[in-house]
């Protein structure tokens, strides 16, 4: 049975993840009589009847790998490569500079042998955010079912989608494919969508031209055709130290920084109250956020340095460069008073990350495929950024559609409803109906 086979693979995975040598090669379920997925339309909050989830053990396997962004993801990548290899599928890896992390790209060929043209990509990132300091009630790296939810780091963001697609590999192969089906697993999405850029560059060099991509970030299994862009920056303020009884002889870097933060707050309020707006988004206006600030040495010392990080999550029609220019213009008005005390004082801005927004406006092939597979009648837009915009800008039309909701991501006791996992399995079965020969 598929569940038993994945359980054996899970044992090997957990041994590898903890450095234990099992002494045996991994078990490959290459000739299984794969059962049909059983999807139960239980009420959204029902715990009396649980969906029968074919992918549950594979989700547990992927969650068992601690792939926090600061750490290597190679154990997970090696496991997936072995799993696919057991089904006769080769994987292409692209590495970071230190070869501690890798992207994986694998192709299930069409029945006519086509592996390059008009394929569909199922895309997910392998890294997760840290659990440090979070009050978890369960082991975050042991996916645990309680009532009608599955708990664990990455169950929502976003290992469940990838695991569900991988669990379907035997059925995709058994039924044959009209067009290629690709799996893309990336590293370092959580820290700037770093890995996928190399994956996309490699696809371009190899002449692989998929028709569309489904990025399985959590959307409640509703197809999403647009997300906001994001720009993040660091502001560094250099003041002049003095004894706190002699504050006029110093330049207080914290207070200067706070004046700029207050401007950012005013800009945020302006967008919230006056727009412009796009009601299709969960947050229908551009947002401005200051997320980190540090400075000072002691209470009785006028602080010399202060650093803070801020971001713009902008709608397509709001220009983040114009917003940064507004902030810099205000900062420049503070410099004369600072320089009157010490000409060496300054305010500087560094770019931290850029993630473009995208909007396919629906109606294209991949959007219609997503709508058909999800059995929904509309599209959504979201405020959080994803790798979909990078696929889109690389000429690969993309949508976002995955189980769970962003509200559960990055939290202690991250969870996904079992009904959401059942909907994801139903989505994959409908995808098979669309792209398979039989």
Protein backbone atom coordinates (compact mmCIF):
# COMPACT_ATOMS: atom_id res chain seq x y z
CA UNK A 1 0.00 0.00 0.00
CA UNK A 2 1.12 3.57 -0.65
CA UNK A 3 0.75 4.55 3.00
CA UNK A 4 2.93 1.66 4.18
CA UNK A 5 5.57 2.45 1.55
CA UNK A 6 5.74 6.12 2.45
CA UNK A 7 6.00 5.14 6.13
CA UNK A 8 9.12 3.14 5.30
CA UNK A 9 10.51 6.10 3.35
CA UNK A 10 9.63 8.33 6.31
CA UNK A 11 11.71 6.16 8.64
CA UNK A 12 14.70 6.43 6.30
CA UNK A 13 14.16 10.19 6.02
CA UNK A 14 14.10 10.70 9.77
CA UNK A 15 17.22 8.61 10.19
CA UNK A 16 19.00 10.66 7.52
CA UNK A 17 17.79 13.91 9.04
CA UNK A 18 19.34 12.95 12.39
CA UNK A 19 22.55 11.52 10.92
CA UNK A 20 21.69 7.85 11.61
CA UNK A 21 22.88 5.30 9.05
CA UNK A 22 20.11 2.77 8.49
CA UNK A 23 22.51 0.41 6.75
CA UNK A 24 19.94 -0.14 4.03
CA UNK A 25 19.15 1.64 0.78
CA UNK A 26 15.93 3.63 0.73
CA UNK A 27 12.77 1.72 -0.12
CA UNK A 28 11.33 2.75 -3.47
CA UNK A 29 7.65 2.00 -4.14
CA UNK A 30 8.18 1.63 -7.90
CA UNK A 31 5.60 -1.03 -8.67
CA UNK A 32 2.78 -0.26 -6.33
CA UNK A 33 -0.85 -0.66 -7.15
CA UNK A 34 -1.57 2.91 -6.09
CA UNK A 35 -5.04 3.39 -4.61
CA UNK A 36 -7.38 6.11 -5.68
CA UNK A 37 -7.45 9.23 -3.50
CA UNK A 38 -10.58 9.26 -1.34
CA UNK A 39 -11.91 12.77 -0.88
CA UNK A 40 -14.59 13.36 1.71
CA UNK A 41 -16.60 16.54 1.69
CA UNK A 42 -16.72 16.91 5.46
CA UNK A 43 -17.98 20.14 7.03
CA UNK A 44 -15.25 22.73 7.43
CA UNK A 45 -15.05 22.37 11.22
CA UNK A 46 -16.02 18.72 11.59
CA UNK A 47 -13.78 16.48 13.66
CA UNK A 48 -16.23 13.57 13.69
CA UNK A 49 -15.33 12.43 10.18
CA UNK A 50 -11.78 12.86 8.96
CA UNK A 51 -10.82 12.92 5.31
CA UNK A 52 -8.83 9.87 4.20
CA UNK A 53 -5.58 11.51 3.11
CA UNK A 54 -3.29 9.57 0.79
CA UNK A 55 -0.50 12.15 1.13
CA UNK A 56 -0.42 12.37 4.94
CA UNK A 57 2.63 10.17 5.46
CA UNK A 58 4.57 12.00 2.79
CA UNK A 59 3.69 15.32 4.44
CA UNK A 60 5.04 13.91 7.70
CA UNK A 61 8.22 12.92 5.91
CA UNK A 62 8.91 16.39 4.54
CA UNK A 63 8.02 18.13 7.80
CA UNK A 64 10.51 15.88 9.64
CA UNK A 65 13.36 17.65 7.85
CA UNK A 66 14.36 20.80 9.69
CA UNK A 67 14.88 23.06 6.69
CA UNK A 68 14.96 26.41 8.49
CA UNK A 69 16.37 28.93 6.02
CA UNK A 70 19.64 29.36 7.92
CA UNK A 71 20.32 25.61 7.61
CA UNK A 72 20.95 23.24 4.73
CA UNK A 73 18.04 21.69 2.85
CA UNK A 74 20.14 18.93 1.29
CA UNK A 75 18.71 16.06 3.36
CA UNK A 76 15.21 16.85 2.07
CA UNK A 77 16.41 17.38 -1.49
CA UNK A 78 18.32 14.09 -1.45
CA UNK A 79 15.25 12.28 -0.14
CA UNK A 80 12.99 13.70 -2.86
CA UNK A 81 15.60 12.92 -5.53
CA UNK A 82 15.76 9.30 -4.29
CA UNK A 83 11.97 9.05 -4.15
CA UNK A 84 11.60 10.29 -7.73
CA UNK A 85 14.55 8.20 -8.85
CA UNK A 86 12.75 5.15 -7.53
CA UNK A 87 10.04 5.94 -10.08
CA UNK A 88 12.56 6.37 -12.89
CA UNK A 89 12.50 10.17 -12.77
CA UNK A 90 15.79 12.07 -12.88
CA UNK A 91 16.25 15.34 -11.00
CA UNK A 92 18.36 18.36 -11.90
CA UNK A 93 19.91 20.22 -8.96
CA UNK A 94 21.15 23.81 -8.87
CA UNK A 95 23.22 24.81 -5.85
CA UNK A 96 24.02 27.87 -3.81
CA UNK A 97 27.62 29.10 -3.76
CA UNK A 98 28.55 26.90 -0.78
CA UNK A 99 26.68 23.84 -2.09
CA UNK A 100 24.87 23.65 1.27
CA UNK A 101 21.52 24.17 -0.39
CA UNK A 102 19.96 23.17 -3.68
CA UNK A 103 16.93 23.58 -5.88
CA UNK A 104 15.45 20.46 -7.46
CA UNK A 105 13.75 20.36 -10.84
CA UNK A 106 12.32 17.08 -12.10
CA UNK A 107 10.17 16.24 -15.11
CA UNK A 108 7.61 13.54 -15.68
CA UNK A 109 7.74 13.24 -19.48
CA UNK A 110 4.74 13.30 -21.76
CA UNK A 111 3.79 10.04 -23.43
CA UNK A 112 5.40 11.24 -26.67
CA UNK A 113 8.71 11.86 -24.89
CA UNK A 114 8.35 15.63 -24.67
CA UNK A 115 10.14 16.99 -21.60
CA UNK A 116 10.70 20.64 -22.54
CA UNK A 117 7.64 22.23 -24.14
CA UNK A 118 4.21 23.20 -22.79
CA UNK A 119 4.59 21.53 -19.38
CA UNK A 120 2.96 22.43 -16.08
CA UNK A 121 5.15 23.21 -13.06
CA UNK A 122 4.16 22.36 -9.48
CA UNK A 123 6.35 24.68 -7.44
CA UNK A 124 7.13 24.90 -3.75
CA UNK A 125 9.90 26.14 -1.51
CA UNK A 126 11.62 23.76 0.89
CA UNK A 127 12.72 26.24 3.57
CA UNK A 128 10.71 27.20 6.63
CA UNK A 129 10.92 30.03 9.14
CA UNK A 130 12.54 29.47 12.56
CA UNK A 131 10.70 28.09 15.56
CA UNK A 132 13.11 29.75 18.01
CA UNK A 133 11.32 31.26 21.00
CA UNK A 134 7.86 30.18 19.86
CA UNK A 135 5.63 28.37 22.41
CA UNK A 136 4.81 25.16 20.54
CA UNK A 137 2.53 22.55 22.12
CA UNK A 138 3.87 19.79 19.85
CA UNK A 139 7.24 18.99 18.29
CA UNK A 140 7.27 21.39 15.30
CA UNK A 141 9.12 18.83 13.17
CA UNK A 142 6.71 15.99 13.85
CA UNK A 143 3.50 16.55 11.90
CA UNK A 144 0.76 15.80 14.43
CA UNK A 145 -2.97 15.32 13.84
CA UNK A 146 -5.24 16.76 16.50
CA UNK A 147 -8.98 16.78 15.91
CA UNK A 148 -9.45 18.23 12.40
CA UNK A 149 -6.02 19.88 12.06
CA UNK A 150 -2.45 18.90 11.23
CA UNK A 151 0.21 20.74 13.23
CA UNK A 152 3.87 21.24 12.34
CA UNK A 153 6.32 23.73 10.91
CA UNK A 154 5.71 23.95 7.19
CA UNK A 155 2.37 22.15 7.05
CA UNK A 156 0.80 25.36 5.72
CA UNK A 157 3.88 27.15 4.39
CA UNK A 158 4.27 25.07 2.32
CA UNK A 159 5.34 21.44 2.44
CA UNK A 160 1.84 19.96 2.24
CA UNK A 161 1.33 21.12 -1.35
CA UNK A 162 4.65 19.66 -2.52
CA UNK A 163 4.05 16.41 -0.65
CA UNK A 164 0.59 16.01 -2.16
CA UNK A 165 1.95 16.48 -5.67
CA UNK A 166 4.76 14.00 -5.03
CA UNK A 167 2.32 11.45 -3.62
CA UNK A 168 0.48 11.59 -6.95
CA UNK A 169 3.58 10.70 -9.01
CA UNK A 170 2.70 6.98 -9.32
CA UNK A 171 -0.78 7.84 -10.61
CA UNK A 172 0.50 10.48 -13.05
CA UNK A 173 2.90 7.89 -14.46
CA UNK A 174 0.32 5.09 -14.56
CA UNK A 175 -2.18 7.21 -16.46
CA UNK A 176 0.35 8.72 -18.86
CA UNK A 177 0.74 12.42 -19.56
CA UNK A 178 -0.37 14.50 -22.55
CA UNK A 179 2.21 17.13 -21.62
CA UNK A 180 5.18 17.21 -19.23
CA UNK A 181 4.65 17.71 -15.52
CA UNK A 182 7.50 19.39 -13.67
CA UNK A 183 8.30 19.56 -9.97
CA UNK A 184 10.26 22.59 -8.75
CA UNK A 185 11.54 22.72 -5.18
CA UNK A 186 13.55 25.80 -4.19
CA UNK A 187 15.71 26.99 -1.32
CA UNK A 188 15.72 30.30 0.58
CA UNK A 189 12.30 31.58 -0.44
CA UNK A 190 11.70 32.88 3.06
CA UNK A 191 14.76 35.14 2.95
CA UNK A 192 14.24 36.79 -0.42
CA UNK A 193 13.25 34.17 -3.04
CA UNK A 194 16.94 33.53 -3.62
CA UNK A 195 17.11 29.95 -4.85
CA UNK A 196 14.36 30.07 -7.48
CA UNK A 197 16.27 32.72 -9.43
CA UNK A 198 19.03 30.19 -10.12
CA UNK A 199 16.49 27.50 -10.95
CA UNK A 200 14.83 29.76 -13.52
CA UNK A 201 18.17 30.75 -15.02
CA UNK A 202 19.03 27.07 -15.41
CA UNK A 203 15.72 26.33 -17.14
CA UNK A 204 16.42 29.12 -19.61
CA UNK A 205 19.87 27.77 -20.37
CA UNK A 206 18.50 24.26 -20.90
CA UNK A 207 15.65 25.41 -23.13
CA UNK A 208 12.88 24.18 -20.86
CA UNK A 209 9.74 26.21 -21.62
CA UNK A 210 6.80 25.35 -19.39
CA UNK A 211 3.39 26.73 -20.28
CA UNK A 212 2.46 27.55 -16.73
CA UNK A 213 3.27 27.21 -13.05
CA UNK A 214 1.18 26.56 -9.95
CA UNK A 215 2.88 27.85 -6.81
CA UNK A 216 1.37 26.07 -3.82
CA UNK A 217 1.50 28.82 -1.20
CA UNK A 218 -1.49 28.85 1.18
CA UNK A 219 -4.57 30.39 -0.44
CA UNK A 220 -7.33 28.18 0.95
CA UNK A 221 -7.16 26.30 -2.38
CA UNK A 222 -8.55 29.35 -4.15
CA UNK A 223 -6.64 30.31 -7.33
CA UNK A 224 -4.76 33.59 -6.91
CA UNK A 225 -3.67 35.55 -9.98
CA UNK A 226 -1.87 38.52 -8.41
CA UNK A 227 0.17 39.61 -5.43
CA UNK A 228 1.75 42.82 -4.26
CA UNK A 229 5.35 43.78 -4.83
CA UNK A 230 7.72 44.23 -1.91
CA UNK A 231 10.70 46.51 -1.33
CA UNK A 232 12.60 46.44 1.95
CA UNK A 233 15.24 48.89 3.13
CA UNK A 234 17.56 49.60 6.05
CA UNK A 235 18.06 53.13 7.37
CA UNK A 236 21.33 53.84 9.23
CA UNK A 237 21.54 56.99 11.35
CA UNK A 238 24.88 58.17 12.70
CA UNK A 239 24.61 60.73 15.50
CA UNK A 240 27.06 62.20 18.00
CA UNK A 241 27.55 60.85 21.50
CA UNK A 242 27.39 63.07 24.58
CA UNK A 243 26.53 62.76 28.26
CA UNK A 244 22.77 62.75 28.64
CA UNK A 245 22.97 65.84 30.86
CA UNK A 246 24.41 67.67 27.85
CA UNK A 247 21.95 66.62 25.17
CA UNK A 248 22.29 69.85 23.11
CA UNK A 249 25.92 68.90 22.49
CA UNK A 250 24.94 65.56 20.98
CA UNK A 251 22.92 64.27 18.05
CA UNK A 252 20.44 61.64 19.21
CA UNK A 253 20.44 58.96 16.50
CA UNK A 254 17.38 57.22 18.00
CA UNK A 255 15.28 60.36 17.98
CA UNK A 256 16.31 61.16 14.39
CA UNK A 257 15.38 57.60 13.38
CA UNK A 258 12.03 57.91 15.13
CA UNK A 259 11.21 61.07 13.20
CA UNK A 260 11.68 59.09 9.97
CA UNK A 261 9.65 56.19 11.37
CA UNK A 262 6.86 58.65 12.16
CA UNK A 263 6.91 59.79 8.53
CA UNK A 264 6.57 56.15 7.45
CA UNK A 265 3.61 55.84 9.82
CA UNK A 266 1.99 58.89 8.22
CA UNK A 267 2.50 57.43 4.74
CA UNK A 268 0.94 54.16 5.89
CA UNK A 269 -2.05 56.06 7.29
CA UNK A 270 -2.39 58.00 4.04
CA UNK A 271 -2.67 54.81 1.99
CA UNK A 272 -5.07 53.26 4.49
CA UNK A 273 -7.39 56.23 4.50
CA UNK A 274 -7.10 57.60 0.97
CA UNK A 275 -5.86 54.73 -1.18
CA UNK A 276 -5.71 54.00 -4.08
CA UNK A 277 -7.51 50.70 -3.54
CA UNK A 278 -7.99 47.32 -5.18
CA UNK A 279 -10.79 45.53 -3.37
CA UNK A 280 -9.77 42.13 -4.75
CA UNK A 281 -6.83 42.06 -2.31
CA UNK A 282 -7.17 40.90 1.28
CA UNK A 283 -5.47 44.19 2.27
CA UNK A 284 -6.70 46.47 -0.54
CA UNK A 285 -4.06 49.21 -0.31
CA UNK A 286 -0.27 49.64 -0.26
CA UNK A 287 1.17 49.10 3.23
CA UNK A 288 4.21 50.56 4.95
CA UNK A 289 5.78 48.73 7.88
CA UNK A 290 8.75 49.24 10.23
CA UNK A 291 9.71 45.86 11.62
CA UNK A 292 13.07 46.18 13.38
CA UNK A 293 14.90 48.97 15.22
CA UNK A 294 18.00 48.97 17.40
CA UNK A 295 20.26 51.65 18.80
CA UNK A 296 21.86 53.25 21.81
CA UNK A 297 24.33 52.14 24.46
CA UNK A 298 22.99 53.31 27.84
CA UNK A 299 20.30 55.63 29.12
CA UNK A 300 22.83 58.25 30.19
CA UNK A 301 24.52 58.42 26.78
CA UNK A 302 23.11 60.32 23.80
CA UNK A 303 22.98 57.49 21.25
CA UNK A 304 25.48 57.58 18.40
CA UNK A 305 23.86 54.96 16.16
CA UNK A 306 20.40 53.72 15.29
CA UNK A 307 19.37 51.28 12.56
CA UNK A 308 15.87 50.31 11.49
CA UNK A 309 14.38 48.18 8.71
CA UNK A 310 11.18 49.01 6.86
CA UNK A 311 9.22 47.78 3.86
CA UNK A 312 6.66 48.77 1.25
CA UNK A 313 4.18 46.15 0.04
CA UNK A 314 2.78 47.95 -2.93
CA UNK A 315 -0.07 47.57 -5.38
CA UNK A 316 0.95 47.58 -9.06
CA UNK A 317 -0.04 51.21 -9.57
CA UNK A 318 1.97 52.56 -6.58
CA UNK A 319 5.66 53.22 -7.28
CA UNK A 320 7.96 52.19 -4.39
CA UNK A 321 10.76 54.32 -5.81
CA UNK A 322 8.59 57.39 -5.40
CA UNK A 323 7.86 56.41 -1.80
CA UNK A 324 11.57 55.98 -1.03
CA UNK A 325 12.28 59.34 -2.63
CA UNK A 326 9.69 60.92 -0.34
CA UNK A 327 11.38 59.39 2.70
CA UNK A 328 14.86 60.46 1.59
CA UNK A 329 13.63 64.00 0.92
CA UNK A 330 12.31 64.25 4.47
CA UNK A 331 15.53 62.77 5.90
CA UNK A 332 17.54 65.44 4.08
CA UNK A 333 15.68 68.16 5.99
CA UNK A 334 17.08 66.75 9.25
CA UNK A 335 20.73 66.91 8.18
CA UNK A 336 21.49 70.65 8.62
CA UNK A 337 20.71 70.58 12.34
CA UNK A 338 22.72 67.35 12.72
CA UNK A 339 25.72 68.76 10.83
CA UNK A 340 25.67 71.92 12.93
CA UNK A 341 26.73 69.74 15.87
CA UNK A 342 28.96 67.28 13.98
CA UNK A 343 29.58 67.30 10.20
CA UNK A 344 30.31 63.55 10.36
CA UNK A 345 26.73 62.67 11.20
CA UNK A 346 24.62 61.12 8.43
CA UNK A 347 21.44 59.29 7.38
CA UNK A 348 21.87 56.53 4.80
CA UNK A 349 19.55 54.00 3.17
CA UNK A 350 20.43 50.49 1.95
CA UNK A 351 18.23 48.28 -0.22
CA UNK A 352 17.66 44.87 1.40
CA UNK A 353 15.37 43.01 -0.98
CA UNK A 354 13.17 43.42 -4.00
CA UNK A 355 10.30 41.14 -4.96
CA UNK A 356 8.20 42.25 -7.91
CA UNK A 357 4.47 42.06 -7.88
CA UNK A 358 2.50 40.41 -10.65
CA UNK A 359 -1.01 40.34 -12.03
CA UNK A 360 -2.10 37.91 -14.72
CA UNK A 361 -5.66 39.33 -14.60
CA UNK A 362 -7.00 35.78 -14.97
CA UNK A 363 -8.28 34.32 -18.20
CA UNK A 364 -5.02 32.75 -19.40
CA UNK A 365 -4.48 29.01 -19.72
CA UNK A 366 -2.89 28.40 -16.32
CA UNK A 367 -5.50 30.54 -14.55
CA UNK A 368 -8.31 28.62 -16.22
CA UNK A 369 -6.59 25.32 -15.38
CA UNK A 370 -6.33 26.38 -11.75
CA UNK A 371 -9.96 27.40 -11.63
CA UNK A 372 -11.04 24.10 -13.18
CA UNK A 373 -8.89 22.00 -10.84
CA UNK A 374 -10.08 23.88 -7.76
CA UNK A 375 -13.74 23.77 -8.85
CA UNK A 376 -14.12 27.47 -8.12
CA UNK A 377 -15.58 30.29 -10.19
CA UNK A 378 -13.37 33.24 -9.34
CA UNK A 379 -9.81 34.36 -8.62
CA UNK A 380 -8.21 36.06 -5.68
CA UNK A 381 -5.32 38.45 -5.03
CA UNK A 382 -3.03 38.42 -1.98
CA UNK A 383 -0.76 40.84 -0.16
CA UNK A 384 2.10 38.43 0.59
CA UNK A 385 4.87 37.86 -1.93
CA UNK A 386 5.73 34.56 -3.61
CA UNK A 387 7.95 33.06 -6.26
CA UNK A 388 5.03 33.28 -8.70
CA UNK A 389 6.11 36.78 -9.76
CA UNK A 390 9.57 35.48 -10.69
CA UNK A 391 8.11 32.68 -12.81
CA UNK A 392 5.78 35.27 -14.37
CA UNK A 393 8.67 37.61 -15.20
CA UNK A 394 10.61 34.68 -16.67
CA UNK A 395 7.84 34.18 -19.22
CA UNK A 396 6.11 31.32 -17.38
CA UNK A 397 2.51 32.22 -16.59
CA UNK A 398 1.81 31.56 -12.92
CA UNK A 399 -0.93 31.31 -10.36
CA UNK A 400 -0.86 30.63 -6.62
CA UNK A 401 -3.03 27.88 -5.15
CA UNK A 402 -2.34 25.79 -2.09
CA UNK A 403 -3.86 24.38 1.10
CA UNK A 404 -4.19 26.41 4.28
CA UNK A 405 -4.23 30.10 4.96
CA UNK A 406 -1.43 32.63 5.41
CA UNK A 407 -2.83 33.52 8.87
CA UNK A 408 -1.56 30.14 10.13
CA UNK A 409 1.91 30.51 8.59
CA UNK A 410 4.99 31.54 10.61
CA UNK A 411 3.07 31.06 13.87
CA UNK A 412 3.69 28.77 16.86
CA UNK A 413 1.52 25.70 16.43
CA UNK A 414 1.29 26.27 12.68
CA UNK A 415 -1.59 24.18 11.39
CA UNK A 416 -3.59 23.26 8.34
CA UNK A 417 -7.13 21.91 8.34
CA UNK A 418 -7.45 18.32 7.16
CA UNK A 419 -10.28 19.42 4.89
CA UNK A 420 -7.82 21.76 3.15
CA UNK A 421 -5.49 18.82 2.51
CA UNK A 422 -8.43 16.87 1.11
CA UNK A 423 -9.19 19.78 -1.24
CA UNK A 424 -5.56 19.78 -2.34
CA UNK A 425 -5.74 16.08 -3.15
CA UNK A 426 -8.94 16.68 -5.09
CA UNK A 427 -7.16 19.47 -6.98
CA UNK A 428 -4.35 17.08 -7.95
CA UNK A 429 -6.83 14.46 -9.11
CA UNK A 430 -8.59 17.00 -11.31
CA UNK A 431 -5.20 18.09 -12.63
CA UNK A 432 -4.52 14.48 -13.57
CA UNK A 433 -7.87 14.35 -15.36
CA UNK A 434 -6.84 17.43 -17.36
CA UNK A 435 -3.27 16.49 -18.33
CA UNK A 436 -3.25 12.68 -18.33
CA UNK A 437 -3.97 10.43 -21.30
CA UNK A 438 -6.32 8.14 -19.40
